[in-house]
Amino acid sequence: MKSAKVILTTALLLVTSVVAFAIPPAHRSGPGPALRTAESFKDVKPGDKLALVCKQCDTVTVQTVASKEEAMEFCKVGAEIVCGSCKKTFKVVTHGPRGKSGPGGKHTETRIVNEKGEECMFVTKLPD
C-alpha cells in the first residue's frame, strides 16, 4: 500500500512539473517591476502597455504608449500625472541618497507622490 502512495505522489509531482514548464513564459509572468529610473523608462517603446497603479483609489489604469516622449513624461521631475479613476493629480519627484540625488544621480529614483509627499502611484510595464 505504501509503494502505491509513493508511486502516485511521484506521478502527480511529475505531471505538475511538466505542465508548469509547458506553459509559455509570457503567460507565466505578470507585470514587470515598477519603473523607477529614467533608464527604465528609456526602454519603453511606442505601443507598449503601461499599468498606472493608484494606491489612493486601489485601481489600475492601462495606458498604451504613443511616443517615447510620452513614456519619458512619467519620470520628468515636476510633471503632473492624473489618475484615470479618481481624477486626482499627483506629482513626479526624485528620491535618492544625499549627494547623489539629482537629475544625473546614479541612485536616483523617480516617485509619484500626493500633496503630502507620500508615494501614491507607480508605473509598471505590462508583458506583450
Protein backbone atom coordinates (compact mmCIF):
# COMPACT_ATOMS: atom_id res chain seq x y z
CA MET A 1 0.00 0.00 0.00
CA LYS A 2 2.86 2.37 0.83
CA SER A 3 4.52 1.80 -2.52
CA ALA A 4 1.27 2.69 -4.33
CA LYS A 5 1.10 6.01 -2.46
CA VAL A 6 4.73 6.77 -3.26
CA ILE A 7 4.21 5.97 -6.96
CA LEU A 8 1.01 8.06 -7.08
CA THR A 9 2.70 11.01 -5.35
CA THR A 10 5.70 10.81 -7.68
CA ALA A 11 3.46 10.68 -10.75
CA LEU A 12 1.47 13.68 -9.52
CA LEU A 13 4.65 15.71 -8.98
CA LEU A 14 5.96 14.73 -12.40
CA VAL A 15 2.74 15.75 -14.15
CA THR A 16 2.63 19.05 -12.26
CA SER A 17 6.21 19.92 -13.22
CA VAL A 18 5.62 19.02 -16.88
CA VAL A 19 2.53 21.26 -17.00
CA ALA A 20 4.42 24.12 -15.32
CA PHE A 21 7.15 24.05 -17.96
CA ALA A 22 4.68 23.59 -20.81
CA ILE A 23 3.07 27.00 -20.18
CA PRO A 24 4.75 29.68 -22.34
CA PRO A 25 6.83 32.18 -20.33
CA ALA A 26 4.67 35.13 -21.42
CA HIS A 27 1.69 33.55 -19.69
CA ARG A 28 3.65 32.69 -16.56
CA SER A 29 4.94 36.18 -15.89
CA GLY A 30 2.97 39.08 -14.54
CA PRO A 31 3.83 42.73 -14.88
CA GLY A 32 7.46 43.67 -14.55
CA PRO A 33 8.90 45.59 -11.61
CA ALA A 34 7.91 49.20 -11.08
CA LEU A 35 9.66 51.65 -13.41
CA ARG A 36 11.57 53.96 -11.10
CA THR A 37 14.54 55.29 -13.08
CA ALA A 38 14.95 57.31 -16.25
CA GLU A 39 16.90 54.38 -17.72
CA SER A 40 13.95 52.03 -17.22
CA PHE A 41 11.60 54.49 -18.93
CA LYS A 42 14.00 54.78 -21.89
CA ASP A 43 13.38 51.08 -22.58
CA VAL A 44 9.65 51.72 -23.12
CA LYS A 45 8.75 51.78 -26.82
CA PRO A 46 5.67 53.17 -28.60
CA GLY A 47 2.94 50.53 -28.48
CA ASP A 48 4.00 49.15 -25.08
CA LYS A 49 1.34 48.97 -22.39
CA LEU A 50 1.95 50.59 -19.01
CA ALA A 51 -0.06 49.98 -15.87
CA LEU A 52 -0.56 53.03 -13.65
CA VAL A 53 -1.28 51.66 -10.18
CA CYS A 54 -3.02 54.21 -7.94
CA LYS A 55 -2.73 53.48 -4.23
CA GLN A 56 -5.23 56.25 -3.39
CA CYS A 57 -8.22 54.55 -5.03
CA ASP A 58 -6.79 51.00 -5.42
CA THR A 59 -7.15 50.90 -9.20
CA VAL A 60 -5.00 50.04 -12.19
CA THR A 61 -5.24 52.08 -15.39
CA VAL A 62 -3.71 50.54 -18.52
CA GLN A 63 -2.27 53.03 -20.99
CA THR A 64 -0.72 52.34 -24.39
CA VAL A 65 2.37 54.47 -25.02
CA ALA A 66 2.05 56.56 -28.18
CA SER A 67 5.58 58.01 -28.24
CA LYS A 68 8.91 57.87 -26.44
CA GLU A 69 8.29 61.40 -25.12
CA GLU A 70 5.02 60.27 -23.53
CA ALA A 71 6.86 57.49 -21.69
CA MET A 72 9.59 59.87 -20.51
CA GLU A 73 6.93 62.21 -19.08
CA PHE A 74 6.39 59.69 -16.25
CA CYS A 75 9.94 60.29 -14.95
CA LYS A 76 10.20 64.02 -15.62
CA VAL A 77 10.60 65.86 -12.31
CA GLY A 78 7.68 68.20 -11.68
CA ALA A 79 5.38 66.51 -14.20
CA GLU A 80 1.79 66.05 -13.09
CA ILE A 81 0.05 62.72 -13.60
CA VAL A 82 -3.71 62.36 -13.31
CA CYS A 83 -5.25 59.08 -12.13
CA GLY A 84 -7.75 57.81 -14.69
CA SER A 85 -10.13 56.60 -11.97
CA CYS A 86 -10.12 59.03 -9.03
CA LYS A 87 -9.06 62.03 -11.21
CA LYS A 88 -6.58 63.21 -8.55
CA THR A 89 -3.42 64.91 -9.74
CA PHE A 90 -0.05 63.64 -8.50
CA LYS A 91 3.47 64.98 -8.94
CA VAL A 92 6.71 63.30 -10.05
CA VAL A 93 9.66 63.83 -7.69
CA THR A 94 13.13 62.34 -7.35
CA HIS A 95 14.31 60.37 -4.37
CA GLY A 96 17.81 59.19 -3.58
CA PRO A 97 20.69 59.31 -1.14
CA ARG A 98 22.10 62.71 -0.20
CA GLY A 99 24.75 63.99 -2.55
CA LYS A 100 23.79 61.54 -5.26
CA SER A 101 20.27 62.66 -5.97
CA GLY A 102 19.57 65.00 -8.80
CA PRO A 103 18.93 64.56 -12.49
CA GLY A 104 22.17 62.69 -13.16
CA GLY A 105 22.49 60.88 -9.84
CA LYS A 106 23.48 57.25 -10.01
CA HIS A 107 20.97 56.05 -7.42
CA THR A 108 18.15 58.49 -8.10
CA GLU A 109 14.63 57.11 -8.34
CA THR A 110 11.50 58.85 -9.53
CA ARG A 111 8.41 58.59 -7.40
CA ILE A 112 4.85 59.77 -7.90
CA VAL A 113 3.59 61.45 -4.74
CA ASN A 114 0.47 63.18 -3.46
CA GLU A 115 0.28 66.63 -1.90
CA LYS A 116 1.61 65.23 1.42
CA GLY A 117 4.71 63.82 -0.28
CA GLU A 118 3.61 60.20 0.18
CA GLU A 119 4.13 57.78 -2.69
CA CYS A 120 0.68 57.12 -4.07
CA MET A 121 1.18 55.75 -7.58
CA PHE A 122 3.68 53.69 -9.53
CA VAL A 123 4.11 52.68 -13.16
CA THR A 124 4.99 49.22 -14.45
CA LYS A 125 5.37 47.78 -17.93
CA LEU A 126 2.95 45.00 -18.86
CA PRO A 127 4.16 41.96 -20.78
CA ASP A 128 3.42 41.86 -24.52
